[in-house]
PDB file of all heavy atoms in Angstrom:
ATOM      1  N   LEU A   1     110.554  73.513  19.441  1.00  0.00           N
ATOM      2  CA  LEU A   1     110.093  74.762  18.959  1.00  0.00           C
ATOM      3  C   LEU A   1     109.488  74.759  17.434  1.00  0.00           C
ATOM      4  O   LEU A   1     108.657  75.376  17.078  1.00  0.00           O
ATOM      5  CB  LEU A   1     111.196  75.828  19.124  1.00  0.00           C
ATOM      6  CG  LEU A   1     111.643  76.083  20.493  1.00  0.00           C
ATOM      7  CD1 LEU A   1     112.799  76.987  20.493  1.00  0.00           C
ATOM      8  CD2 LEU A   1     110.467  76.846  21.295  1.00  0.00           C
ATOM      9  N   LEU A   2     110.297  74.011  16.600  1.00  0.00           N
ATOM     10  CA  LEU A   2     110.018  73.911  15.333  1.00  0.00           C
ATOM     11  C   LEU A   2     108.564  73.082  15.179  1.00  0.00           C
ATOM     12  O   LEU A   2     107.774  73.403  14.314  1.00  0.00           O
ATOM     13  CB  LEU A   2     111.058  73.039  14.409  1.00  0.00           C
ATOM     14  CG  LEU A   2     112.323  73.829  14.295  1.00  0.00           C
ATOM     15  CD1 LEU A   2     113.523  72.973  13.922  1.00  0.00           C
ATOM     16  CD2 LEU A   2     112.156  74.895  13.162  1.00  0.00           C
ATOM     17  N   HIS A   3     108.456  72.138  15.986  1.00  0.00           N
ATOM     18  CA  HIS A   3     107.142  71.400  15.998  1.00  0.00           C
ATOM     19  C   HIS A   3     106.066  72.365  16.231  1.00  0.00           C
ATOM     20  O   HIS A   3     104.934  72.229  15.628  1.00  0.00           O
ATOM     21  CB  HIS A   3     107.305  70.215  17.052  1.00  0.00           C
ATOM     22  CG  HIS A   3     105.879  69.571  17.443  1.00  0.00           C
ATOM     23  ND1 HIS A   3     105.498  68.474  16.675  1.00  0.00           N
ATOM     24  CD2 HIS A   3     105.023  69.870  18.289  1.00  0.00           C
ATOM     25  CE1 HIS A   3     104.292  68.043  17.091  1.00  0.00           C
ATOM     26  NE2 HIS A   3     103.944  68.934  18.140  1.00  0.00           N
ATOM     27  N   VAL A   4     106.115  73.087  17.309  1.00  0.00           N
ATOM     28  CA  VAL A   4     105.153  73.999  17.687  1.00  0.00           C
ATOM     29  C   VAL A   4     104.761  75.017  16.629  1.00  0.00           C
ATOM     30  O   VAL A   4     103.687  75.334  16.236  1.00  0.00           O
ATOM     31  CB  VAL A   4     105.468  74.762  18.981  1.00  0.00           C
ATOM     32  CG1 VAL A   4     104.464  76.000  19.346  1.00  0.00           C
ATOM     33  CG2 VAL A   4     105.560  73.856  20.168  1.00  0.00           C
ATOM     34  N   ALA A   5     105.898  75.548  15.992  1.00  0.00           N
ATOM     35  CA  ALA A   5     105.672  76.590  14.935  1.00  0.00           C
ATOM     36  C   ALA A   5     104.911  75.979  13.761  1.00  0.00           C
ATOM     37  O   ALA A   5     104.021  76.574  13.117  1.00  0.00           O
ATOM     38  CB  ALA A   5     106.951  76.961  14.450  1.00  0.00           C
ATOM     39  N   GLY A   6     105.190  74.673  13.359  1.00  0.00           N
ATOM     40  CA  GLY A   6     104.600  73.983  12.345  1.00  0.00           C
ATOM     41  C   GLY A   6     103.156  73.655  12.684  1.00  0.00           C
ATOM     42  O   GLY A   6     102.220  73.943  11.773  1.00  0.00           O
ATOM     43  N   ALA A   7     102.814  73.165  13.899  1.00  0.00           N
ATOM     44  CA  ALA A   7     101.450  72.966  14.371  1.00  0.00           C
ATOM     45  C   ALA A   7     100.574  74.211  14.195  1.00  0.00           C
ATOM     46  O   ALA A   7      99.441  74.233  13.810  1.00  0.00           O
ATOM     47  CB  ALA A   7     101.436  72.386  15.618  1.00  0.00           C
ATOM     48  N   LEU A   8     101.147  75.385  14.656  1.00  0.00           N
ATOM     49  CA  LEU A   8     100.318  76.555  14.603  1.00  0.00           C
ATOM     50  C   LEU A   8     100.141  77.113  13.199  1.00  0.00           C
ATOM     51  O   LEU A   8      99.085  77.499  12.822  1.00  0.00           O
ATOM     52  CB  LEU A   8     101.185  77.585  15.476  1.00  0.00           C
ATOM     53  CG  LEU A   8     101.090  77.386  17.048  1.00  0.00           C
ATOM     54  CD1 LEU A   8     102.032  78.553  17.698  1.00  0.00           C
ATOM     55  CD2 LEU A   8      99.725  77.417  17.590  1.00  0.00           C
ATOM     56  N   SER A   9     101.182  77.091  12.476  1.00  0.00           N
ATOM     57  CA  SER A   9     101.154  77.595  11.087  1.00  0.00           C
ATOM     58  C   SER A   9     100.209  76.761  10.242  1.00  0.00           C
ATOM     59  O   SER A   9      99.430  77.396   9.400  1.00  0.00           O
ATOM     60  CB  SER A   9     102.475  77.533  10.474  1.00  0.00           C
ATOM     61  OG  SER A   9     102.633  77.990   9.223  1.00  0.00           O
ATOM     62  N   ASP A  10     100.087  75.510  10.486  1.00  0.00           N
ATOM     63  CA  ASP A  10      99.232  74.586   9.648  1.00  0.00           C
ATOM     64  C   ASP A  10      97.827  74.888   9.910  1.00  0.00           C
ATOM     65  O   ASP A  10      96.879  74.355   9.171  1.00  0.00           O
ATOM     66  CB  ASP A  10      99.541  73.146   9.909  1.00  0.00           C
ATOM     67  CG  ASP A  10     100.875  72.803   9.224  1.00  0.00           C
ATOM     68  OD1 ASP A  10     101.368  73.421   8.399  1.00  0.00           O
ATOM     69  OD2 ASP A  10     101.415  71.660   9.716  1.00  0.00           O
ATOM     70  N   ASN A  11      97.535  75.565  10.982  1.00  0.00           N
ATOM     71  CA  ASN A  11      96.061  75.778  11.482  1.00  0.00           C
ATOM     72  C   ASN A  11      95.765  77.188  11.484  1.00  0.00           C
ATOM     73  O   ASN A  11      94.750  77.650  12.071  1.00  0.00           O
ATOM     74  CB  ASN A  11      95.918  75.168  12.765  1.00  0.00           C
ATOM     75  CG  ASN A  11      95.856  73.712  12.813  1.00  0.00           C
ATOM     76  OD1 ASN A  11      94.847  73.045  12.493  1.00  0.00           O
ATOM     77  ND2 ASN A  11      97.018  73.149  13.185  1.00  0.00           N
ATOM     78  N   LEU A  12      96.312  78.076  10.683  1.00  0.00           N
ATOM     79  CA  LEU A  12      95.992  79.559  10.530  1.00  0.00           C
ATOM     80  C   LEU A  12      95.688  79.846   9.161  1.00  0.00           C
ATOM     81  O   LEU A  12      96.014  79.136   8.130  1.00  0.00           O
ATOM     82  CB  LEU A  12      97.240  80.267  10.922  1.00  0.00           C
ATOM     83  CG  LEU A  12      97.706  80.210  12.413  1.00  0.00           C
ATOM     84  CD1 LEU A  12      98.939  81.021  12.675  1.00  0.00           C
ATOM     85  CD2 LEU A  12      96.528  80.749  13.354  1.00  0.00           C
ATOM     86  N   ARG A  13      94.882  80.924   8.957  1.00  0.00           N
ATOM     87  CA  ARG A  13      94.546  81.450   7.667  1.00  0.00           C
ATOM     88  C   ARG A  13      95.622  82.249   7.092  1.00  0.00           C
ATOM     89  O   ARG A  13      96.514  82.803   7.890  1.00  0.00           O
ATOM     90  CB  ARG A  13      93.250  82.288   7.855  1.00  0.00           C
ATOM     91  CG  ARG A  13      92.050  81.675   8.387  1.00  0.00           C
ATOM     92  CD  ARG A  13      91.061  82.657   8.751  1.00  0.00           C
ATOM     93  NE  ARG A  13      91.508  83.522   9.919  1.00  0.00           N
ATOM     94  CZ  ARG A  13      90.825  84.545  10.426  1.00  0.00           C
ATOM     95  NH1 ARG A  13      89.461  84.692  10.007  1.00  0.00           N
ATOM     96  NH2 ARG A  13      91.252  85.328  11.376  1.00  0.00           N
ATOM     97  N   GLU A  14      95.618  82.527   5.835  1.00  0.00           N
ATOM     98  CA  GLU A  14      96.666  83.544   5.242  1.00  0.00           C
ATOM     99  C   GLU A  14      96.638  84.813   5.827  1.00  0.00           C
ATOM    100  O   GLU A  14      97.569  85.470   5.902  1.00  0.00           O
ATOM    101  CB  GLU A  14      96.369  83.438   3.811  1.00  0.00           C
ATOM    102  CG  GLU A  14      96.866  82.157   2.899  1.00  0.00           C
ATOM    103  CD  GLU A  14      96.800  82.292   1.588  1.00  0.00           C
ATOM    104  OE1 GLU A  14      96.456  83.510   1.032  1.00  0.00           O
ATOM    105  OE2 GLU A  14      96.955  81.380   0.722  1.00  0.00           O
ATOM    106  N   SER A  15      95.391  85.232   6.238  1.00  0.00           N
ATOM    107  CA  SER A  15      95.148  86.639   6.819  1.00  0.00           C
ATOM    108  C   SER A  15      95.722  86.745   8.190  1.00  0.00           C
ATOM    109  O   SER A  15      95.880  87.822   8.805  1.00  0.00           O
ATOM    110  CB  SER A  15      93.822  87.121   6.882  1.00  0.00           C
ATOM    111  OG  SER A  15      92.945  86.145   7.521  1.00  0.00           O
ATOM    112  N   ASP A  16      96.007  85.641   8.902  1.00  0.00           N
ATOM    113  CA  ASP A  16      96.611  85.646  10.326  1.00  0.00           C
ATOM    114  C   ASP A  16      98.070  85.752  10.273  1.00  0.00           C
ATOM    115  O   ASP A  16      98.653  85.577   9.174  1.00  0.00           O
ATOM    116  CB  ASP A  16      96.201  84.294  10.973  1.00  0.00           C
ATOM    117  CG  ASP A  16      94.710  84.148  11.088  1.00  0.00           C
ATOM    118  OD1 ASP A  16      93.932  85.300  11.209  1.00  0.00           O
ATOM    119  OD2 ASP A  16      94.195  83.066  11.088  1.00  0.00           O
ATOM    120  N   MET A  17      98.688  85.987  11.405  1.00  0.00           N
ATOM    121  CA  MET A  17     100.263  86.032  11.470  1.00  0.00           C
ATOM    122  C   MET A  17     100.667  85.249  12.660  1.00  0.00           C
ATOM    123  O   MET A  17     100.243  85.604  13.762  1.00  0.00           O
ATOM    124  CB  MET A  17     100.678  87.559  11.384  1.00  0.00           C
ATOM    125  CG  MET A  17     102.156  87.670  11.520  1.00  0.00           C
ATOM    126  SD  MET A  17     102.639  89.397  11.423  1.00  0.00           S
ATOM    127  CE  MET A  17     104.531  89.178  11.432  1.00  0.00           C
ATOM    128  N   LEU A  18     101.671  84.579  12.423  1.00  0.00           N
ATOM    129  CA  LEU A  18     102.404  83.848  13.499  1.00  0.00           C
ATOM    130  C   LEU A  18     103.820  84.372  13.677  1.00  0.00           C
ATOM    131  O   LEU A  18     104.441  84.590  12.732  1.00  0.00           O
ATOM    132  CB  LEU A  18     102.518  82.300  13.253  1.00  0.00           C
ATOM    133  CG  LEU A  18     103.351  81.396  14.038  1.00  0.00           C
ATOM    134  CD1 LEU A  18     102.789  81.306  15.392  1.00  0.00           C
ATOM    135  CD2 LEU A  18     103.488  80.044  13.417  1.00  0.00           C
ATOM    136  N   GLY A  19     104.232  84.467  15.005  1.00  0.00           N
ATOM    137  CA  GLY A  19     105.601  85.016  15.260  1.00  0.00           C
ATOM    138  C   GLY A  19     106.094  84.303  16.466  1.00  0.00           C
ATOM    139  O   GLY A  19     105.376  83.869  17.236  1.00  0.00           O
ATOM    140  N   ARG A  20     107.449  84.274  16.507  1.00  0.00           N
ATOM    141  CA  ARG A  20     108.047  83.861  17.693  1.00  0.00           C
ATOM    142  C   ARG A  20     108.577  85.126  18.452  1.00  0.00           C
ATOM    143  O   ARG A  20     109.243  85.899  18.023  1.00  0.00           O
ATOM    144  CB  ARG A  20     109.328  82.969  17.383  1.00  0.00           C
ATOM    145  CG  ARG A  20     109.979  82.416  18.577  1.00  0.00           C
ATOM    146  CD  ARG A  20     111.248  81.579  18.222  1.00  0.00           C
ATOM    147  NE  ARG A  20     111.865  81.080  19.530  1.00  0.00           N
ATOM    148  CZ  ARG A  20     113.241  80.760  19.563  1.00  0.00           C
ATOM    149  NH1 ARG A  20     113.895  80.737  18.519  1.00  0.00           N
ATOM    150  NH2 ARG A  20     113.680  80.288  20.759  1.00  0.00           N
ATOM    151  N   LEU A  21     108.018  85.131  19.677  1.00  0.00           N
ATOM    152  CA  LEU A  21     108.208  86.292  20.448  1.00  0.00           C
ATOM    153  C   LEU A  21     109.508  86.304  21.326  1.00  0.00           C
ATOM    154  O   LEU A  21     110.025  87.212  21.993  1.00  0.00           O
ATOM    155  CB  LEU A  21     106.981  86.541  21.428  1.00  0.00           C
ATOM    156  CG  LEU A  21     105.629  86.687  20.642  1.00  0.00           C
ATOM    157  CD1 LEU A  21     104.503  86.964  21.597  1.00  0.00           C
ATOM    158  CD2 LEU A  21     105.737  87.751  19.594  1.00  0.00           C
ATOM    159  N   GLY A  22     110.207  85.138  21.305  1.00  0.00           N
ATOM    160  CA  GLY A  22     111.364  84.988  22.152  1.00  0.00           C
ATOM    161  C   GLY A  22     111.319  83.600  22.993  1.00  0.00           C
ATOM    162  O   GLY A  22     110.336  83.325  23.518  1.00  0.00           O
ATOM    163  N   GLY A  23     112.394  82.946  23.066  1.00  0.00           N
ATOM    164  CA  GLY A  23     112.407  81.846  24.001  1.00  0.00           C
ATOM    165  C   GLY A  23     111.320  80.757  23.559  1.00  0.00           C
ATOM    166  O   GLY A  23     111.345  80.373  22.424  1.00  0.00           O
ATOM    167  N   ASP A  24     110.417  80.336  24.483  1.00  0.00           N
ATOM    168  CA  ASP A  24     109.428  79.377  24.103  1.00  0.00           C
ATOM    169  C   ASP A  24     108.089  80.125  23.978  1.00  0.00           C
ATOM    170  O   ASP A  24     106.931  79.588  24.309  1.00  0.00           O
ATOM    171  CB  ASP A  24     109.308  78.369  25.152  1.00  0.00           C
ATOM    172  CG  ASP A  24     109.098  78.874  26.602  1.00  0.00           C
ATOM    173  OD1 ASP A  24     109.102  80.135  26.840  1.00  0.00           O
ATOM    174  OD2 ASP A  24     108.792  78.111  27.500  1.00  0.00           O
ATOM    175  N   GLU A  25     108.022  81.338  23.644  1.00  0.00           N
ATOM    176  CA  GLU A  25     106.840  82.092  23.488  1.00  0.00           C
ATOM    177  C   GLU A  25     106.439  82.442  22.038  1.00  0.00           C
ATOM    178  O   GLU A  25     107.339  82.812  21.095  1.00  0.00           O
ATOM    179  CB  GLU A  25     106.851  83.416  24.329  1.00  0.00           C
ATOM    180  CG  GLU A  25     107.170  83.133  25.768  1.00  0.00           C
ATOM    181  CD  GLU A  25     107.327  84.503  26.559  1.00  0.00           C
ATOM    182  OE1 GLU A  25     107.731  85.474  25.871  1.00  0.00           O
ATOM    183  OE2 GLU A  25     107.164  84.452  27.806  1.00  0.00           O
ATOM    184  N   PHE A  26     105.171  82.287  21.591  1.00  0.00           N
ATOM    185  CA  PHE A  26     104.756  82.636  20.316  1.00  0.00           C
ATOM    186  C   PHE A  26     103.426  83.407  20.408  1.00  0.00           C
ATOM    187  O   PHE A  26     102.730  83.389  21.237  1.00  0.00           O
ATOM    188  CB  PHE A  26     104.318  81.146  19.630  1.00  0.00           C
ATOM    189  CG  PHE A  26     105.548  80.272  19.269  1.00  0.00           C
ATOM    190  CD1 PHE A  26     105.944  79.441  20.357  1.00  0.00           C
ATOM    191  CD2 PHE A  26     106.131  80.316  18.066  1.00  0.00           C
ATOM    192  CE1 PHE A  26     107.093  78.644  20.060  1.00  0.00           C
ATOM    193  CE2 PHE A  26     107.195  79.353  17.802  1.00  0.00           C
ATOM    194  CZ  PHE A  26     107.737  78.637  18.724  1.00  0.00           C
ATOM    195  N   GLY A  27     103.252  84.138  19.211  1.00  0.00           N
ATOM    196  CA  GLY A  27     102.136  84.998  19.213  1.00  0.00           C
ATOM    197  C   GLY A  27     101.349  84.689  17.865  1.00  0.00           C
ATOM    198  O   GLY A  27     102.048  84.480  16.871  1.00  0.00           O
ATOM    199  N   VAL A  28     100.086  84.950  17.823  1.00  0.00           N
ATOM    200  CA  VAL A  28      99.309  84.749  16.718  1.00  0.00           C
ATOM    201  C   VAL A  28      98.286  85.970  16.649  1.00  0.00           C
ATOM    202  O   VAL A  28      97.541  86.181  17.549  1.00  0.00           O
ATOM    203  CB  VAL A  28      98.450  83.467  16.685  1.00  0.00           C
ATOM    204  CG1 VAL A  28      97.516  83.411  15.582  1.00  0.00           C
ATOM    205  CG2 VAL A  28      99.404  82.208  16.779  1.00  0.00           C
ATOM    206  N   ILE A  29      98.343  86.719  15.585  1.00  0.00           N
ATOM    207  CA  ILE A  29      97.461  87.734  15.296  1.00  0.00           C
ATOM    208  C   ILE A  29      96.269  87.182  14.451  1.00  0.00           C
ATOM    209  O   ILE A  29      96.496  86.661  13.342  1.00  0.00           O
ATOM    210  CB  ILE A  29      97.996  88.874  14.498  1.00  0.00           C
ATOM    211  CG1 ILE A  29      99.120  89.481  15.313  1.00  0.00           C
ATOM    212  CG2 ILE A  29      96.936  89.923  14.175  1.00  0.00           C
ATOM    213  CD1 ILE A  29      99.905  90.583  14.421  1.00  0.00           C
ATOM    214  N   LEU A  30      95.107  87.043  14.885  1.00  0.00           N
ATOM    215  CA  LEU A  30      93.883  86.684  14.347  1.00  0.00           C
ATOM    216  C   LEU A  30      93.116  87.859  13.750  1.00  0.00           C
ATOM    217  O   LEU A  30      92.393  88.627  14.516  1.00  0.00           O
ATOM    218  CB  LEU A  30      92.970  85.839  15.231  1.00  0.00           C
ATOM    219  CG  LEU A  30      93.628  84.598  15.867  1.00  0.00           C
ATOM    220  CD1 LEU A  30      92.792  84.074  16.972  1.00  0.00           C
ATOM    221  CD2 LEU A  30      93.990  83.555  14.805  1.00  0.00           C
ATOM    222  N   SER A  31      93.117  88.062  12.439  1.00  0.00           N
ATOM    223  CA  SER A  31      92.530  89.209  11.802  1.00  0.00           C
ATOM    224  C   SER A  31      90.917  88.997  11.788  1.00  0.00           C
ATOM    225  O   SER A  31      90.521  87.857  11.596  1.00  0.00           O
ATOM    226  CB  SER A  31      92.996  89.440  10.422  1.00  0.00           C
ATOM    227  OG  SER A  31      92.750  88.435   9.583  1.00  0.00           O
ATOM    228  N   HIS A  32      90.169  89.972  11.953  1.00  0.00           N
ATOM    229  CA  HIS A  32      88.776  89.981  11.946  1.00  0.00           C
ATOM    230  C   HIS A  32      88.197  88.941  12.739  1.00  0.00           C
ATOM    231  O   HIS A  32      87.301  88.077  12.406  1.00  0.00           O
ATOM    232  CB  HIS A  32      88.168  89.753  10.471  1.00  0.00           C
ATOM    233  CG  HIS A  32      88.768  90.796   9.481  1.00  0.00           C
ATOM    234  ND1 HIS A  32      88.178  92.091   9.406  1.00  0.00           N
ATOM    235  CD2 HIS A  32      89.737  90.881   8.630  1.00  0.00           C
ATOM    236  CE1 HIS A  32      88.893  92.745   8.465  1.00  0.00           C
ATOM    237  NE2 HIS A  32      89.828  92.121   8.062  1.00  0.00           N
ATOM    238  N   THR A  33      88.636  88.884  14.082  1.00  0.00           N
ATOM    239  CA  THR A  33      88.332  87.876  15.126  1.00  0.00           C
ATOM    240  C   THR A  33      87.959  88.434  16.324  1.00  0.00           C
ATOM    241  O   THR A  33      88.832  89.171  16.841  1.00  0.00           O
ATOM    242  CB  THR A  33      89.379  86.764  15.150  1.00  0.00           C
ATOM    243  OG1 THR A  33      89.816  86.278  13.823  1.00  0.00           O
ATOM    244  CG2 THR A  33      89.074  85.671  16.139  1.00  0.00           C
ATOM    245  N   ASP A  34      86.797  88.295  16.794  1.00  0.00           N
ATOM    246  CA  ASP A  34      86.435  88.906  18.067  1.00  0.00           C
ATOM    247  C   ASP A  34      86.893  88.066  19.292  1.00  0.00           C
ATOM    248  O   ASP A  34      87.481  86.934  19.060  1.00  0.00           O
ATOM    249  CB  ASP A  34      84.883  89.187  18.174  1.00  0.00           C
ATOM    250  CG  ASP A  34      83.883  87.915  18.131  1.00  0.00           C
ATOM    251  OD1 ASP A  34      84.538  86.872  18.408  1.00  0.00           O
ATOM    252  OD2 ASP A  34      82.859  88.136  17.634  1.00  0.00           O
TER     253      ASP A  34
END
């Protein structure tokens, strides 16, 4: 889980948001992205 969080975080912009939704689920908000 820590590995996944790191991989996602390293590839996001400051304007995006990463969160753990529970268990093995993660969410990413991509701002200004269609």
